[in-house]
C-alpha atoms as a PDB file:
ATOM      1  CA  MET A   1       9.139  21.427  -0.638  1.00  0.00           C
ATOM      2  CA  ASP A   2       9.384  18.176   0.589  1.00  0.00           C
ATOM      3  CA  LEU A   3       7.426  16.417   3.042  1.00  0.00           C
ATOM      4  CA  ILE A   4       9.835  14.467   5.443  1.00  0.00           C
ATOM      5  CA  ILE A   5      13.160  16.387   5.929  1.00  0.00           C
ATOM      6  CA  TRP A   6      16.235  14.204   6.104  1.00  0.00           C
ATOM      7  CA  ASN A   7      18.066  15.155   9.777  1.00  0.00           C
ATOM      8  CA  ASP A   8      19.636  13.732  12.602  1.00  0.00           C
ATOM      9  CA  SER A   9      17.170  12.853  14.661  1.00  0.00           C
ATOM     10  CA  LEU A  10      16.529  10.289  11.647  1.00  0.00           C
ATOM     11  CA  ILE A  11      20.472   9.161  11.715  1.00  0.00           C
ATOM     12  CA  THR A  12      20.635   5.270  13.730  1.00  0.00           C
ATOM     13  CA  GLY A  13      24.300   5.400  13.006  1.00  0.00           C
ATOM     14  CA  ILE A  14      24.228   1.423  11.249  1.00  0.00           C
ATOM     15  CA  THR A  15      24.897   2.525   7.899  1.00  0.00           C
ATOM     16  CA  ILE A  16      23.166   0.508   5.717  1.00  0.00           C
ATOM     17  CA  ILE A  17      19.830   1.101   7.729  1.00  0.00           C
ATOM     18  CA  ASP A  18      20.159   5.003   6.768  1.00  0.00           C
ATOM     19  CA  ALA A  19      20.954   4.704   3.552  1.00  0.00           C
ATOM     20  CA  GLN A  20      17.944   2.543   3.367  1.00  0.00           C
ATOM     21  CA  HIS A  21      15.958   4.720   5.374  1.00  0.00           C
ATOM     22  CA  LYS A  22      17.055   7.753   3.042  1.00  0.00           C
ATOM     23  CA  THR A  23      16.225   6.077   0.403  1.00  0.00           C
ATOM     24  CA  LEU A  24      12.638   5.691   1.635  1.00  0.00           C
ATOM     25  CA  VAL A  25      12.089   9.498   2.844  1.00  0.00           C
ATOM     26  CA  ASN A  26      13.197  10.470  -0.793  1.00  0.00           C
ATOM     27  CA  LYS A  27      10.638   7.907  -2.484  1.00  0.00           C
ATOM     28  CA  THR A  28       8.213   9.502  -0.408  1.00  0.00           C
ATOM     29  CA  ASN A  29       9.186  12.942  -0.808  1.00  0.00           C
ATOM     30  CA  LYS A  30       9.342  11.527  -4.786  1.00  0.00           C
ATOM     31  CA  LEU A  31       5.671  10.640  -4.521  1.00  0.00           C
ATOM     32  CA  HIS A  32       4.437  14.046  -2.153  1.00  0.00           C
ATOM     33  CA  SER A  33       6.312  16.215  -5.152  1.00  0.00           C
ATOM     34  CA  CYS A  34       4.384  14.093  -8.050  1.00  0.00           C
ATOM     35  CA  ILE A  35       1.239  14.734  -6.024  1.00  0.00           C
ATOM     36  CA  HIS A  36       1.807  18.524  -5.096  1.00  0.00           C
ATOM     37  CA  ASP A  37       3.990  20.169  -7.140  1.00  0.00           C
ATOM     38  CA  ASN A  38       2.534  18.725 -10.482  1.00  0.00           C
ATOM     39  CA  ASN A  39      -0.856  18.348  -9.320  1.00  0.00           C
ATOM     40  CA  SER A  40      -1.663  15.931 -11.736  1.00  0.00           C
ATOM     41  CA  CYS A  41       0.917  12.782 -11.546  1.00  0.00           C
ATOM     42  CA  SER A  42       0.729  10.159 -14.909  1.00  0.00           C
ATOM     43  CA  ASN A  43       2.732   8.023 -13.084  1.00  0.00           C
ATOM     44  CA  LEU A  44       1.617   7.873  -9.364  1.00  0.00           C
ATOM     45  CA  SER A  45       0.584   4.295  -9.230  1.00  0.00           C
ATOM     46  CA  VAL A  46       4.186   3.811 -11.092  1.00  0.00           C
ATOM     47  CA  LEU A  47       5.724   5.453  -7.588  1.00  0.00           C
ATOM     48  CA  LEU A  48       3.587   4.179  -5.025  1.00  0.00           C
ATOM     49  CA  ASP A  49       4.481   0.770  -6.571  1.00  0.00           C
ATOM     50  CA  GLU A  50       8.329   1.749  -5.967  1.00  0.00           C
ATOM     51  CA  LEU A  51       8.089   2.986  -2.840  1.00  0.00           C
ATOM     52  CA  LEU A  52       6.043   0.312  -1.093  1.00  0.00           C
ATOM     53  CA  GLU A  53       8.232  -2.304  -2.825  1.00  0.00           C
ATOM     54  CA  TYR A  54      11.212  -0.468  -1.251  1.00  0.00           C
ATOM     55  CA  ALA A  55       9.693  -0.470   2.359  1.00  0.00           C
ATOM     56  CA  PHE A  56       9.023  -3.976   2.040  1.00  0.00           C
ATOM     57  CA  TYR A  57      12.513  -4.838   1.138  1.00  0.00           C
ATOM     58  CA  HIS A  58      14.058  -2.345   4.049  1.00  0.00           C
ATOM     59  CA  PHE A  59      11.377  -4.499   6.674  1.00  0.00           C
ATOM     60  CA  LYS A  60      13.297  -7.680   5.355  1.00  0.00           C
ATOM     61  CA  THR A  61      17.026  -6.077   5.872  1.00  0.00           C
ATOM     62  CA  GLU A  62      15.906  -5.146   9.726  1.00  0.00           C
ATOM     63  CA  GLU A  63      14.093  -8.131   9.677  1.00  0.00           C
ATOM     64  CA  GLU A  64      16.878 -10.354   8.753  1.00  0.00           C
ATOM     65  CA  PHE A  65      19.107  -8.688  11.354  1.00  0.00           C
ATOM     66  CA  PHE A  66      16.904  -9.520  13.872  1.00  0.00           C
ATOM     67  CA  ASP A  67      16.855 -12.927  13.256  1.00  0.00           C
ATOM     68  CA  LYS A  68      20.607 -13.519  13.186  1.00  0.00           C
ATOM     69  CA  TYR A  69      21.260 -11.838  15.958  1.00  0.00           C
ATOM     70  CA  ASN A  70      18.154 -13.191  18.374  1.00  0.00           C
ATOM     71  CA  TYR A  71      17.118  -9.439  18.770  1.00  0.00           C
ATOM     72  CA  LEU A  72      14.719  -9.444  21.883  1.00  0.00           C
ATOM     73  CA  ASP A  73      12.415  -7.209  20.810  1.00  0.00           C
ATOM     74  CA  LYS A  74      11.743  -8.935  17.418  1.00  0.00           C
ATOM     75  CA  ASP A  75       7.661  -9.714  17.944  1.00  0.00           C
ATOM     76  CA  ALA A  76       6.717  -6.023  18.804  1.00  0.00           C
ATOM     77  CA  HIS A  77       9.044  -4.630  15.719  1.00  0.00           C
ATOM     78  CA  LEU A  78       7.332  -7.089  13.508  1.00  0.00           C
ATOM     79  CA  LYS A  79       4.008  -6.008  14.818  1.00  0.00           C
ATOM     80  CA  GLU A  80       4.781  -3.085  13.602  1.00  0.00           C
ATOM     81  CA  HIS A  81       5.824  -3.753  10.263  1.00  0.00           C
ATOM     82  CA  ASN A  82       2.826  -5.990   9.864  1.00  0.00           C
ATOM     83  CA  ASN A  83       0.580  -3.337  10.591  1.00  0.00           C
ATOM     84  CA  PHE A  84       2.154  -1.306   7.841  1.00  0.00           C
ATOM     85  CA  ARG A  85       1.617  -4.023   5.273  1.00  0.00           C
ATOM     86  CA  ASN A  86      -1.905  -4.590   6.402  1.00  0.00           C
ATOM     87  CA  TYR A  87      -2.840  -1.093   5.874  1.00  0.00           C
ATOM     88  CA  ILE A  88      -1.033  -0.669   1.891  1.00  0.00           C
ATOM     89  CA  LYS A  89      -2.573  -4.171   1.493  1.00  0.00           C
ATOM     90  CA  SER A  90      -6.081  -2.534   2.673  1.00  0.00           C
ATOM     91  CA  PHE A  91      -5.821   0.953   1.290  1.00  0.00           C
ATOM     92  CA  LEU A  92      -4.795  -0.987  -2.518  1.00  0.00           C
ATOM     93  CA  GLU A  93      -7.525  -3.237  -2.401  1.00  0.00           C
ATOM     94  CA  PHE A  94     -10.289  -0.477  -1.438  1.00  0.00           C
ATOM     95  CA  ASN A  95      -8.748   2.879  -3.356  1.00  0.00           C
ATOM     96  CA  ASP A  96      -7.391   3.911  -6.436  1.00  0.00           C
ATOM     97  CA  ARG A  97      -3.767   4.627  -6.843  1.00  0.00           C
ATOM     98  CA  ASP A  98      -3.961   6.444  -9.295  1.00  0.00           C
ATOM     99  CA  ASN A  99      -6.556   9.178  -7.672  1.00  0.00           C
ATOM    100  CA  ILE A 100      -4.705  11.845  -6.136  1.00  0.00           C
ATOM    101  CA  LEU A 101      -6.857  12.955  -3.513  1.00  0.00           C
ATOM    102  CA  GLU A 102      -6.475   8.970  -2.306  1.00  0.00           C
ATOM    103  CA  ALA A 103      -2.830   8.876  -2.882  1.00  0.00           C
ATOM    104  CA  ILE A 104      -2.827  12.540  -0.396  1.00  0.00           C
ATOM    105  CA  SER A 105      -4.864  10.593   2.158  1.00  0.00           C
ATOM    106  CA  LEU A 106      -2.014   7.580   2.280  1.00  0.00           C
ATOM    107  CA  LEU A 107       1.067  10.222   1.731  1.00  0.00           C
ATOM    108  CA  SER A 108      -0.181  11.220   5.315  1.00  0.00           C
ATOM    109  CA  TYR A 109      -0.074   8.152   6.908  1.00  0.00           C
ATOM    110  CA  LEU A 110       2.906   7.348   5.359  1.00  0.00           C
ATOM    111  CA  ASN A 111       4.755  10.881   6.971  1.00  0.00           C
ATOM    112  CA  GLU A 112       3.535  10.093  10.477  1.00  0.00           C
ATOM    113  CA  TRP A 113       4.515   6.205  10.256  1.00  0.00           C
ATOM    114  CA  ILE A 114       7.510   6.666   8.765  1.00  0.00           C
ATOM    115  CA  THR A 115       8.922   9.146  11.154  1.00  0.00           C
ATOM    116  CA  HIS A 116       7.710   7.701  14.146  1.00  0.00           C
ATOM    117  CA  HIS A 117       8.669   4.556  13.177  1.00  0.00           C
ATOM    118  CA  ILE A 118      12.668   5.617  12.832  1.00  0.00           C
ATOM    119  CA  LYS A 119      12.519   7.964  15.438  1.00  0.00           C
ATOM    120  CA  GLU A 120      10.555   5.882  18.036  1.00  0.00           C
ATOM    121  CA  VAL A 121      10.345   2.205  17.300  1.00  0.00           C
ATOM    122  CA  ASP A 122      13.753   1.758  15.228  1.00  0.00           C
ATOM    123  CA  MET A 123      16.484   3.610  17.599  1.00  0.00           C
ATOM    124  CA  LYS A 124      15.025   1.234  20.019  1.00  0.00           C
ATOM    125  CA  TYR A 125      17.539  -1.552  18.746  1.00  0.00           C
ATOM    126  CA  VAL A 126      20.113   0.840  17.500  1.00  0.00           C
ATOM    127  CA  SER A 127      22.742   0.062  20.305  1.00  0.00           C
ATOM    128  CA  PHE A 128      21.768  -3.542  20.076  1.00  0.00           C
ATOM    129  CA  LEU A 129      22.532  -4.024  16.273  1.00  0.00           C
ATOM    130  CA  LYS A 130      25.523  -1.313  16.821  1.00  0.00           C
ATOM    131  CA  GLU A 131      27.479  -3.899  19.184  1.00  0.00           C
ATOM    132  CA  LYS A 132      26.860  -7.240  16.691  1.00  0.00           C
ATOM    133  CA  LEU A 133      27.681  -5.523  13.412  1.00  0.00           C
END
């Protein structure tokens, strides 16, 4: 069973952003399946790296739109991205990325952060970007 269910509440209506969000959700769900369905995952570290690399790629896309179109609430949004980056950096520095129990803790954070970020934070820029794209 998926951790994050893709549904209309996660859709921005901006094609590239929705595609990236969906990929991010799918990668999170893949990590979740690895942890919970198999209860041992030989490539946990690889899945985690892929998910985080993709999250940072997605942030770059949003941040490039903010710069290109002079999004006024850019600084607040960047603060959210940077908080995520700092949490992940700290997690990776102090935890064993191949440890299932520690990965479960990270998965909980990812679930809450991703759903909140899309539904609350990203939705703030939707009408602005739709006018520009």
